[in-house]
Amino acid sequence: GEEQSQEESNAALAANMPLTFILIFITLLLLFRAYKKPIVILLMVPMIFIGVVAGLVVTGKQFDFFAMLGLLGLVGMNIKNAIVLVDQIGVETSSGKSPYEAVTIATRSRIVPVMMASGTTILGMLLFDSMFGGMAATIMGGLLVASLLTLLVLPVTYCIFFRIYPTKETNS
C-alpha cells in the first residue's frame, strides 16, 4: 500500500510539473517584461539533473517521493540564483557599463554570495537520515552542480542570447 501511495503522489507531482513551469515562466515574464531573460534563466534548470543524478549515484540513495520534493525545491533555488545574476547584469548595464563588462562584473560579484548560500544549504542537509536521505542527496548534488554551472554557463548563455562579445577595449 505504501508503494502504491508513493506512485500516486509521484504521478500527481509529475502531472502538475508543466503547469508549474508555465507559472514560473509567466512570473519571470512579468518580472523582466521581456522574453529573452526568462528563457536564459529557465535554460539553467535542466543542468540541475546532472548534479541530482551524480548526488544519488555517489550516495547510493533512490529517487523517491522526498527526492522529488527536493528536486522541486532545488528548481526554485536554482531559478533564484539565476534571477539574482541576471538582475545584477541589468543593474550593471543601467549604471553605464558596457554589456560585456556588465556580465563579467555581475558574475564576479555574485560568486561568493551564491556559493556561500549553496554551501550552507548543502552542509545543512540530513544526508544520513533514512527518510530524507534521498531528498538530501538530490539537493546536495543538484545545488552544488547547478550553482557552479549557473555561474559558468549562465553568463555565456546570456552573452549568446543578447549577442554580447568582448571588445578590444575590454581585452586590454
N, C-alpha and C. Protein backbone atom coordinates (compact mmCIF):
# COMPACT_ATOMS: atom_id res chain seq x y z
N GLY A 1 0.81 -1.20 0.00
CA GLY A 1 0.00 0.00 0.00
C GLY A 1 0.85 1.26 0.00
N GLU A 2 1.98 1.20 0.69
CA GLU A 2 2.85 2.37 0.77
C GLU A 2 3.47 2.69 -0.59
N GLU A 3 3.86 1.64 -1.33
CA GLU A 3 4.44 1.84 -2.65
C GLU A 3 3.41 2.43 -3.61
N GLN A 4 2.17 1.94 -3.54
CA GLN A 4 1.11 2.46 -4.39
C GLN A 4 0.84 3.93 -4.07
N SER A 5 0.82 4.27 -2.80
CA SER A 5 0.60 5.66 -2.39
C SER A 5 1.72 6.56 -2.90
N GLN A 6 2.96 6.07 -2.84
CA GLN A 6 4.10 6.83 -3.33
C GLN A 6 4.01 7.03 -4.84
N GLU A 7 3.61 6.00 -5.57
CA GLU A 7 3.45 6.11 -7.02
C GLU A 7 2.37 7.12 -7.39
N GLU A 8 1.28 7.13 -6.64
CA GLU A 8 0.20 8.09 -6.89
C GLU A 8 0.68 9.52 -6.61
N SER A 9 1.43 9.69 -5.55
CA SER A 9 1.96 11.01 -5.21
C SER A 9 2.94 11.49 -6.28
N ASN A 10 3.83 10.61 -6.73
CA ASN A 10 4.77 10.97 -7.80
C ASN A 10 4.04 11.32 -9.09
N ALA A 11 3.00 10.57 -9.41
CA ALA A 11 2.22 10.84 -10.62
C ALA A 11 1.53 12.20 -10.53
N ALA A 12 1.00 12.52 -9.36
CA ALA A 12 0.34 13.83 -9.17
C ALA A 12 1.34 14.97 -9.31
N LEU A 13 2.53 14.80 -8.73
CA LEU A 13 3.56 15.83 -8.88
C LEU A 13 3.98 15.98 -10.34
N ALA A 14 4.21 14.88 -11.02
CA ALA A 14 4.63 14.91 -12.42
C ALA A 14 3.55 15.53 -13.31
N ALA A 15 2.29 15.27 -13.01
CA ALA A 15 1.20 15.81 -13.82
C ALA A 15 1.12 17.33 -13.71
N ASN A 16 1.51 17.87 -12.57
CA ASN A 16 1.43 19.32 -12.36
C ASN A 16 2.71 20.06 -12.73
N MET A 17 3.76 19.35 -13.12
CA MET A 17 5.02 19.99 -13.49
C MET A 17 4.87 20.98 -14.64
N PRO A 18 4.20 20.63 -15.73
CA PRO A 18 4.08 21.61 -16.83
C PRO A 18 3.40 22.91 -16.38
N LEU A 19 2.36 22.80 -15.59
CA LEU A 19 1.69 24.00 -15.08
C LEU A 19 2.63 24.82 -14.21
N THR A 20 3.42 24.15 -13.40
CA THR A 20 4.39 24.84 -12.55
C THR A 20 5.36 25.65 -13.39
N PHE A 21 5.92 25.03 -14.43
CA PHE A 21 6.89 25.74 -15.28
C PHE A 21 6.23 26.87 -16.07
N ILE A 22 5.00 26.70 -16.47
CA ILE A 22 4.28 27.79 -17.15
C ILE A 22 4.09 28.97 -16.20
N LEU A 23 3.71 28.69 -14.97
CA LEU A 23 3.53 29.76 -13.98
C LEU A 23 4.86 30.45 -13.65
N ILE A 24 5.93 29.68 -13.56
CA ILE A 24 7.25 30.27 -13.33
C ILE A 24 7.62 31.17 -14.49
N PHE A 25 7.40 30.71 -15.72
CA PHE A 25 7.73 31.50 -16.90
C PHE A 25 6.92 32.79 -16.94
N ILE A 26 5.63 32.70 -16.63
CA ILE A 26 4.77 33.90 -16.61
C ILE A 26 5.26 34.88 -15.54
N THR A 27 5.63 34.37 -14.38
CA THR A 27 6.16 35.23 -13.32
C THR A 27 7.44 35.92 -13.77
N LEU A 28 8.32 35.17 -14.43
CA LEU A 28 9.56 35.76 -14.94
C LEU A 28 9.28 36.79 -16.03
N LEU A 29 8.30 36.51 -16.87
CA LEU A 29 7.91 37.50 -17.90
C LEU A 29 7.44 38.80 -17.25
N LEU A 30 6.65 38.68 -16.21
CA LEU A 30 6.17 39.88 -15.51
C LEU A 30 7.31 40.60 -14.80
N LEU A 31 8.27 39.86 -14.30
CA LEU A 31 9.40 40.45 -13.60
C LEU A 31 10.32 41.21 -14.55
N PHE A 32 10.65 40.60 -15.68
CA PHE A 32 11.63 41.19 -16.59
C PHE A 32 11.00 41.96 -17.77
N ARG A 33 9.71 41.77 -18.00
CA ARG A 33 8.98 42.44 -19.09
C ARG A 33 9.63 42.19 -20.46
N ALA A 34 10.18 41.03 -20.62
CA ALA A 34 10.79 40.61 -21.88
C ALA A 34 10.86 39.08 -21.85
N TYR A 35 11.09 38.48 -22.98
CA TYR A 35 11.08 37.01 -23.01
C TYR A 35 12.47 36.39 -23.02
N LYS A 36 13.51 37.11 -23.42
CA LYS A 36 14.84 36.51 -23.52
C LYS A 36 15.43 36.16 -22.16
N LYS A 37 15.32 37.07 -21.20
CA LYS A 37 15.90 36.80 -19.88
C LYS A 37 15.23 35.61 -19.20
N PRO A 38 13.90 35.49 -19.22
CA PRO A 38 13.29 34.28 -18.64
C PRO A 38 13.73 32.99 -19.33
N ILE A 39 13.93 33.05 -20.64
CA ILE A 39 14.39 31.85 -21.36
C ILE A 39 15.79 31.48 -20.90
N VAL A 40 16.68 32.48 -20.80
CA VAL A 40 18.04 32.22 -20.32
C VAL A 40 18.00 31.59 -18.93
N ILE A 41 17.15 32.12 -18.06
CA ILE A 41 17.04 31.59 -16.70
C ILE A 41 16.52 30.16 -16.70
N LEU A 42 15.48 29.89 -17.47
CA LEU A 42 14.91 28.53 -17.49
C LEU A 42 15.81 27.52 -18.18
N LEU A 43 16.72 27.98 -19.03
CA LEU A 43 17.67 27.06 -19.65
C LEU A 43 18.65 26.47 -18.63
N MET A 44 18.74 27.09 -17.48
CA MET A 44 19.63 26.57 -16.43
C MET A 44 19.00 25.39 -15.68
N VAL A 45 17.69 25.26 -15.75
CA VAL A 45 17.00 24.21 -14.98
C VAL A 45 17.43 22.79 -15.38
N PRO A 46 17.56 22.45 -16.66
CA PRO A 46 17.97 21.08 -16.98
C PRO A 46 19.33 20.69 -16.42
N MET A 47 20.19 21.67 -16.17
CA MET A 47 21.52 21.37 -15.63
C MET A 47 21.45 20.81 -14.22
N ILE A 48 20.33 21.06 -13.55
CA ILE A 48 20.15 20.54 -12.19
C ILE A 48 20.27 19.01 -12.20
N PHE A 49 19.78 18.39 -13.24
CA PHE A 49 19.71 16.93 -13.28
C PHE A 49 21.09 16.28 -13.30
N ILE A 50 22.10 16.99 -13.80
CA ILE A 50 23.47 16.47 -13.77
C ILE A 50 23.87 16.23 -12.32
N GLY A 51 23.65 17.23 -11.49
CA GLY A 51 24.00 17.11 -10.08
C GLY A 51 23.10 16.18 -9.31
N VAL A 52 21.82 16.15 -9.66
CA VAL A 52 20.88 15.26 -8.97
C VAL A 52 21.29 13.81 -9.19
N VAL A 53 21.54 13.44 -10.43
CA VAL A 53 21.94 12.07 -10.73
C VAL A 53 23.27 11.75 -10.05
N ALA A 54 24.22 12.67 -10.14
CA ALA A 54 25.52 12.44 -9.50
C ALA A 54 25.36 12.27 -7.99
N GLY A 55 24.55 13.13 -7.36
CA GLY A 55 24.34 13.04 -5.92
C GLY A 55 23.71 11.73 -5.51
N LEU A 56 22.73 11.27 -6.28
CA LEU A 56 22.07 10.00 -5.95
C LEU A 56 22.99 8.81 -6.19
N VAL A 57 23.79 8.85 -7.25
CA VAL A 57 24.70 7.75 -7.54
C VAL A 57 25.81 7.67 -6.48
N VAL A 58 26.40 8.81 -6.15
CA VAL A 58 27.50 8.83 -5.18
C VAL A 58 27.04 8.36 -3.81
N THR A 59 25.85 8.78 -3.39
CA THR A 59 25.37 8.41 -2.06
C THR A 59 24.62 7.08 -2.04
N GLY A 60 24.25 6.56 -3.20
CA GLY A 60 23.53 5.30 -3.26
C GLY A 60 22.06 5.41 -2.86
N LYS A 61 21.54 6.61 -2.85
CA LYS A 61 20.13 6.84 -2.48
C LYS A 61 19.23 6.64 -3.70
N GLN A 62 17.93 6.48 -3.42
CA GLN A 62 16.96 6.30 -4.50
C GLN A 62 16.17 7.57 -4.73
N PHE A 63 15.68 7.71 -5.96
CA PHE A 63 14.85 8.86 -6.31
C PHE A 63 13.41 8.52 -5.90
N ASP A 64 13.06 8.90 -4.68
CA ASP A 64 11.73 8.60 -4.15
C ASP A 64 10.90 9.88 -4.08
N PHE A 65 9.78 9.80 -3.38
CA PHE A 65 8.87 10.94 -3.27
C PHE A 65 9.56 12.16 -2.66
N PHE A 66 10.33 11.94 -1.59
CA PHE A 66 11.02 13.05 -0.94
C PHE A 66 12.10 13.64 -1.84
N ALA A 67 12.74 12.78 -2.61
CA ALA A 67 13.74 13.27 -3.57
C ALA A 67 13.06 14.14 -4.62
N MET A 68 11.86 13.75 -5.03
CA MET A 68 11.08 14.55 -5.99
C MET A 68 10.74 15.91 -5.39
N LEU A 69 10.36 15.94 -4.12
CA LEU A 69 10.09 17.21 -3.45
C LEU A 69 11.36 18.05 -3.36
N GLY A 70 12.48 17.40 -3.08
CA GLY A 70 13.76 18.10 -3.04
C GLY A 70 14.11 18.70 -4.39
N LEU A 71 13.78 17.96 -5.45
CA LEU A 71 14.03 18.46 -6.81
C LEU A 71 13.23 19.73 -7.08
N LEU A 72 11.98 19.75 -6.63
CA LEU A 72 11.16 20.96 -6.83
C LEU A 72 11.75 22.15 -6.08
N GLY A 73 12.18 21.92 -4.85
CA GLY A 73 12.82 22.99 -4.10
C GLY A 73 14.12 23.43 -4.75
N LEU A 74 14.83 22.48 -5.28
CA LEU A 74 16.09 22.75 -5.97
C LEU A 74 15.87 23.61 -7.21
N VAL A 75 14.82 23.34 -7.94
CA VAL A 75 14.48 24.17 -9.11
C VAL A 75 14.27 25.61 -8.67
N GLY A 76 13.56 25.80 -7.58
CA GLY A 76 13.32 27.14 -7.07
C GLY A 76 14.61 27.84 -6.66
N MET A 77 15.50 27.11 -5.98
CA MET A 77 16.78 27.71 -5.57
C MET A 77 17.63 28.09 -6.77
N ASN A 78 17.65 27.22 -7.78
CA ASN A 78 18.45 27.50 -8.97
C ASN A 78 17.89 28.69 -9.74
N ILE A 79 16.58 28.77 -9.85
CA ILE A 79 15.96 29.90 -10.54
C ILE A 79 16.25 31.19 -9.78
N LYS A 80 16.21 31.12 -8.46
CA LYS A 80 16.53 32.31 -7.65
C LYS A 80 17.95 32.77 -7.91
N ASN A 81 18.92 31.84 -7.94
CA ASN A 81 20.30 32.21 -8.22
C ASN A 81 20.45 32.83 -9.61
N ALA A 82 19.75 32.27 -10.57
CA ALA A 82 19.81 32.80 -11.94
C ALA A 82 19.17 34.18 -12.02
N ILE A 83 18.05 34.38 -11.33
CA ILE A 83 17.39 35.70 -11.33
C ILE A 83 18.32 36.75 -10.73
N VAL A 84 18.96 36.41 -9.62
CA VAL A 84 19.86 37.36 -8.96
C VAL A 84 21.00 37.75 -9.91
N LEU A 85 21.56 36.79 -10.62
CA LEU A 85 22.65 37.09 -11.55
C LEU A 85 22.18 37.93 -12.73
N VAL A 86 21.06 37.54 -13.33
CA VAL A 86 20.53 38.30 -14.48
C VAL A 86 20.14 39.70 -14.05
N ASP A 87 19.54 39.83 -12.89
CA ASP A 87 19.17 41.15 -12.39
C ASP A 87 20.41 42.01 -12.14
N GLN A 88 21.46 41.42 -11.60
CA GLN A 88 22.70 42.16 -11.36
C GLN A 88 23.33 42.61 -12.68
N ILE A 89 23.22 41.81 -13.72
CA ILE A 89 23.71 42.23 -15.04
C ILE A 89 22.94 43.47 -15.49
N GLY A 90 21.62 43.47 -15.26
CA GLY A 90 20.81 44.64 -15.61
C GLY A 90 21.21 45.87 -14.81
N VAL A 91 21.50 45.70 -13.54
CA VAL A 91 21.93 46.82 -12.69
C VAL A 91 23.25 47.39 -13.21
N GLU A 92 24.19 46.52 -13.52
CA GLU A 92 25.49 46.97 -14.03
C GLU A 92 25.35 47.67 -15.38
N THR A 93 24.49 47.15 -16.24
CA THR A 93 24.26 47.77 -17.54
C THR A 93 23.63 49.15 -17.38
N SER A 94 22.65 49.26 -16.50
CA SER A 94 21.97 50.54 -16.31
C SER A 94 22.87 51.58 -15.63
N SER A 95 23.96 51.13 -15.00
CA SER A 95 24.88 52.08 -14.38
C SER A 95 25.92 52.59 -15.37
N GLY A 96 25.78 52.20 -16.64
CA GLY A 96 26.65 52.75 -17.69
C GLY A 96 27.75 51.83 -18.16
N LYS A 97 27.82 50.62 -17.63
CA LYS A 97 28.85 49.68 -18.08
C LYS A 97 28.49 49.13 -19.46
N SER A 98 29.51 48.75 -20.22
CA SER A 98 29.25 48.09 -21.50
C SER A 98 28.61 46.74 -21.19
N PRO A 99 27.85 46.17 -22.11
CA PRO A 99 27.20 44.88 -21.83
C PRO A 99 28.17 43.77 -21.41
N TYR A 100 29.29 43.66 -22.09
CA TYR A 100 30.27 42.62 -21.74
C TYR A 100 30.84 42.86 -20.35
N GLU A 101 31.18 44.10 -20.07
CA GLU A 101 31.71 44.46 -18.75
C GLU A 101 30.66 44.20 -17.67
N ALA A 102 29.40 44.49 -17.96
CA ALA A 102 28.32 44.26 -17.00
C ALA A 102 28.20 42.78 -16.67
N VAL A 103 28.29 41.92 -17.68
CA VAL A 103 28.20 40.47 -17.45
C VAL A 103 29.36 39.99 -16.59
N THR A 104 30.57 40.42 -16.91
CA THR A 104 31.72 39.95 -16.13
C THR A 104 31.71 40.49 -14.70
N ILE A 105 31.38 41.75 -14.53
CA ILE A 105 31.33 42.33 -13.18
C ILE A 105 30.23 41.68 -12.35
N ALA A 106 29.05 41.51 -12.95
CA ALA A 106 27.93 40.89 -12.23
C ALA A 106 28.26 39.47 -11.82
N THR A 107 28.88 38.72 -12.72
CA THR A 107 29.22 37.34 -12.40
C THR A 107 30.24 37.27 -11.27
N ARG A 108 31.26 38.09 -11.34
CA ARG A 108 32.28 38.11 -10.27
C ARG A 108 31.66 38.51 -8.93
N SER A 109 30.74 39.47 -8.97
CA SER A 109 30.16 39.95 -7.71
C SER A 109 29.19 38.95 -7.09
N ARG A 110 28.69 38.00 -7.85
CA ARG A 110 27.72 37.04 -7.34
C ARG A 110 28.35 35.71 -6.94
N ILE A 111 29.62 35.50 -7.25
CA ILE A 111 30.26 34.21 -6.95
C ILE A 111 30.19 33.89 -5.46
N VAL A 112 30.66 34.78 -4.62
CA VAL A 112 30.71 34.50 -3.18
C VAL A 112 29.31 34.35 -2.59
N PRO A 113 28.36 35.27 -2.84
CA PRO A 113 27.02 35.08 -2.26
C PRO A 113 26.34 33.79 -2.70
N VAL A 114 26.43 33.45 -3.98
CA VAL A 114 25.77 32.23 -4.47
C VAL A 114 26.42 31.00 -3.86
N MET A 115 27.75 30.95 -3.84
CA MET A 115 28.42 29.77 -3.31
C MET A 115 28.27 29.65 -1.79
N MET A 116 28.23 30.78 -1.08
CA MET A 116 28.02 30.71 0.37
C MET A 116 26.62 30.21 0.70
N ALA A 117 25.62 30.73 -0.01
CA ALA A 117 24.24 30.29 0.23
C ALA A 117 24.09 28.81 -0.12
N SER A 118 24.67 28.41 -1.24
CA SER A 118 24.60 27.00 -1.64
C SER A 118 25.37 26.12 -0.66
N GLY A 119 26.55 26.57 -0.26
CA GLY A 119 27.37 25.79 0.67
C GLY A 119 26.70 25.56 2.00
N THR A 120 26.08 26.59 2.56
CA THR A 120 25.41 26.42 3.85
C THR A 120 24.21 25.49 3.73
N THR A 121 23.50 25.56 2.60
CA THR A 121 22.37 24.65 2.38
C THR A 121 22.86 23.21 2.25
N ILE A 122 23.93 23.03 1.48
CA ILE A 122 24.49 21.68 1.28
C ILE A 122 24.96 21.09 2.61
N LEU A 123 25.66 21.89 3.40
CA LEU A 123 26.18 21.39 4.68
C LEU A 123 25.08 21.12 5.70
N GLY A 124 23.93 21.75 5.53
CA GLY A 124 22.83 21.56 6.48
C GLY A 124 21.92 20.39 6.16
N MET A 125 22.19 19.66 5.10
CA MET A 125 21.32 18.55 4.71
C MET A 125 21.51 17.34 5.62
N LEU A 126 20.42 16.62 5.83
CA LEU A 126 20.42 15.40 6.65
C LEU A 126 20.64 14.18 5.75
N LEU A 127 21.85 14.05 5.22
CA LEU A 127 22.14 13.01 4.24
C LEU A 127 21.95 11.60 4.79
N PHE A 128 22.27 11.40 6.05
CA PHE A 128 22.25 10.05 6.59
C PHE A 128 20.93 9.68 7.24
N ASP A 129 19.93 10.54 7.10
CA ASP A 129 18.60 10.24 7.61
C ASP A 129 17.95 9.24 6.68
N SER A 130 17.34 8.19 7.23
CA SER A 130 16.76 7.15 6.39
C SER A 130 15.55 7.64 5.60
N MET A 131 14.80 8.57 6.14
CA MET A 131 13.60 9.04 5.46
C MET A 131 13.90 10.15 4.44
N PHE A 132 14.78 11.07 4.81
CA PHE A 132 15.04 12.23 3.96
C PHE A 132 16.39 12.17 3.25
N GLY A 133 17.06 11.04 3.28
CA GLY A 133 18.37 10.90 2.65
C GLY A 133 18.33 11.14 1.15
N GLY A 134 17.30 10.63 0.48
CA GLY A 134 17.18 10.84 -0.97
C GLY A 134 16.98 12.30 -1.31
N MET A 135 16.17 12.99 -0.50
CA MET A 135 15.96 14.43 -0.73
C MET A 135 17.26 15.18 -0.49
N ALA A 136 17.98 14.82 0.55
CA ALA A 136 19.25 15.49 0.86
C ALA A 136 20.26 15.28 -0.26
N ALA A 137 20.37 14.05 -0.75
CA ALA A 137 21.30 13.76 -1.84
C ALA A 137 20.92 14.52 -3.10
N THR A 138 19.62 14.60 -3.37
CA THR A 138 19.13 15.34 -4.53
C THR A 138 19.50 16.81 -4.43
N ILE A 139 19.24 17.40 -3.28
CA ILE A 139 19.51 18.83 -3.11
C ILE A 139 21.02 19.09 -3.08
N MET A 140 21.76 18.25 -2.38
CA MET A 140 23.21 18.48 -2.27
C MET A 140 23.89 18.41 -3.63
N GLY A 141 23.68 17.33 -4.34
CA GLY A 141 24.32 17.17 -5.65
C GLY A 141 23.81 18.18 -6.66
N GLY A 142 22.50 18.35 -6.70
CA GLY A 142 21.91 19.28 -7.66
C GLY A 142 22.31 20.71 -7.40
N LEU A 143 22.31 21.14 -6.15
CA LEU A 143 22.65 22.52 -5.82
C LEU A 143 24.12 22.82 -6.07
N LEU A 144 24.99 21.88 -5.74
CA LEU A 144 26.41 22.09 -5.99
C LEU A 144 26.69 22.28 -7.48
N VAL A 145 26.22 21.35 -8.29
CA VAL A 145 26.48 21.42 -9.73
C VAL A 145 25.73 22.59 -10.36
N ALA A 146 24.47 22.78 -9.98
CA ALA A 146 23.68 23.87 -10.57
C ALA A 146 24.26 25.24 -10.23
N SER A 147 24.76 25.40 -9.02
CA SER A 147 25.34 26.69 -8.65
C SER A 147 26.60 26.97 -9.46
N LEU A 148 27.45 25.97 -9.58
CA LEU A 148 28.66 26.14 -10.38
C LEU A 148 28.33 26.43 -11.84
N LEU A 149 27.39 25.67 -12.38
CA LEU A 149 27.04 25.86 -13.79
C LEU A 149 26.29 27.17 -14.02
N THR A 150 25.53 27.62 -13.03
CA THR A 150 24.86 28.91 -13.17
C THR A 150 25.90 30.02 -13.27
N LEU A 151 26.95 29.93 -12.48
CA LEU A 151 27.99 30.95 -12.52
C LEU A 151 28.88 30.85 -13.74
N LEU A 152 28.97 29.66 -14.34
CA LEU A 152 29.83 29.48 -15.51
C LEU A 152 29.06 29.52 -16.83
N VAL A 153 27.91 28.87 -16.88
CA VAL A 153 27.18 28.72 -18.14
C VAL A 153 26.18 29.86 -18.37
N LEU A 154 25.52 30.32 -17.31
CA LEU A 154 24.53 31.39 -17.49
C LEU A 154 25.13 32.64 -18.14
N PRO A 155 26.30 33.13 -17.69
CA PRO A 155 26.85 34.31 -18.36
C PRO A 155 27.14 34.07 -19.85
N VAL A 156 27.61 32.88 -20.18
CA VAL A 156 27.88 32.56 -21.59
C VAL A 156 26.58 32.52 -22.38
N THR A 157 25.57 31.86 -21.81
CA THR A 157 24.26 31.79 -22.47
C THR A 157 23.66 33.18 -22.64
N TYR A 158 23.78 34.00 -21.62
CA TYR A 158 23.29 35.38 -21.67
C TYR A 158 23.97 36.13 -22.81
N CYS A 159 25.29 36.00 -22.90
CA CYS A 159 26.04 36.67 -23.97
C CYS A 159 25.61 36.18 -25.35
N ILE A 160 25.36 34.90 -25.47
CA ILE A 160 24.93 34.35 -26.76
C ILE A 160 23.55 34.89 -27.13
N PHE A 161 22.61 34.86 -26.18
CA PHE A 161 21.25 35.32 -26.45
C PHE A 161 21.20 36.81 -26.79
N PHE A 162 22.03 37.59 -26.12
CA PHE A 162 21.99 39.04 -26.33
C PHE A 162 23.11 39.53 -27.25
N ARG A 163 23.80 38.58 -27.88
CA ARG A 163 24.88 38.89 -28.83
C ARG A 163 25.90 39.87 -28.23
N ILE A 164 26.41 39.52 -27.09
CA ILE A 164 27.42 40.32 -26.40
C ILE A 164 28.78 39.68 -26.61
N TYR A 165 29.70 40.47 -27.12
CA TYR A 165 31.05 39.98 -27.39
C TYR A 165 32.06 40.92 -26.75
N PRO A 166 33.22 40.38 -26.36
CA PRO A 166 34.24 41.28 -25.82
C PRO A 166 34.75 42.21 -26.91
N THR A 167 35.00 43.44 -26.54
CA THR A 167 35.54 44.41 -27.49
C THR A 167 37.03 44.54 -27.24
N LYS A 168 37.71 45.22 -28.14
CA LYS A 168 39.15 45.39 -27.99
C LYS A 168 39.48 46.16 -26.72
N GLU A 169 38.60 47.08 -26.31
CA GLU A 169 38.85 47.87 -25.11
C GLU A 169 38.82 46.98 -23.86
N THR A 170 37.94 45.96 -23.85
CA THR A 170 37.84 45.11 -22.67
C THR A 170 38.97 44.11 -22.59
N ASN A 171 39.63 43.82 -23.71
CA ASN A 171 40.74 42.87 -23.70
C ASN A 171 42.05 43.49 -23.23
N SER A 172 42.16 44.81 -23.28
CA SER A 172 43.44 45.43 -22.93
C SER A 172 43.50 45.84 -21.48
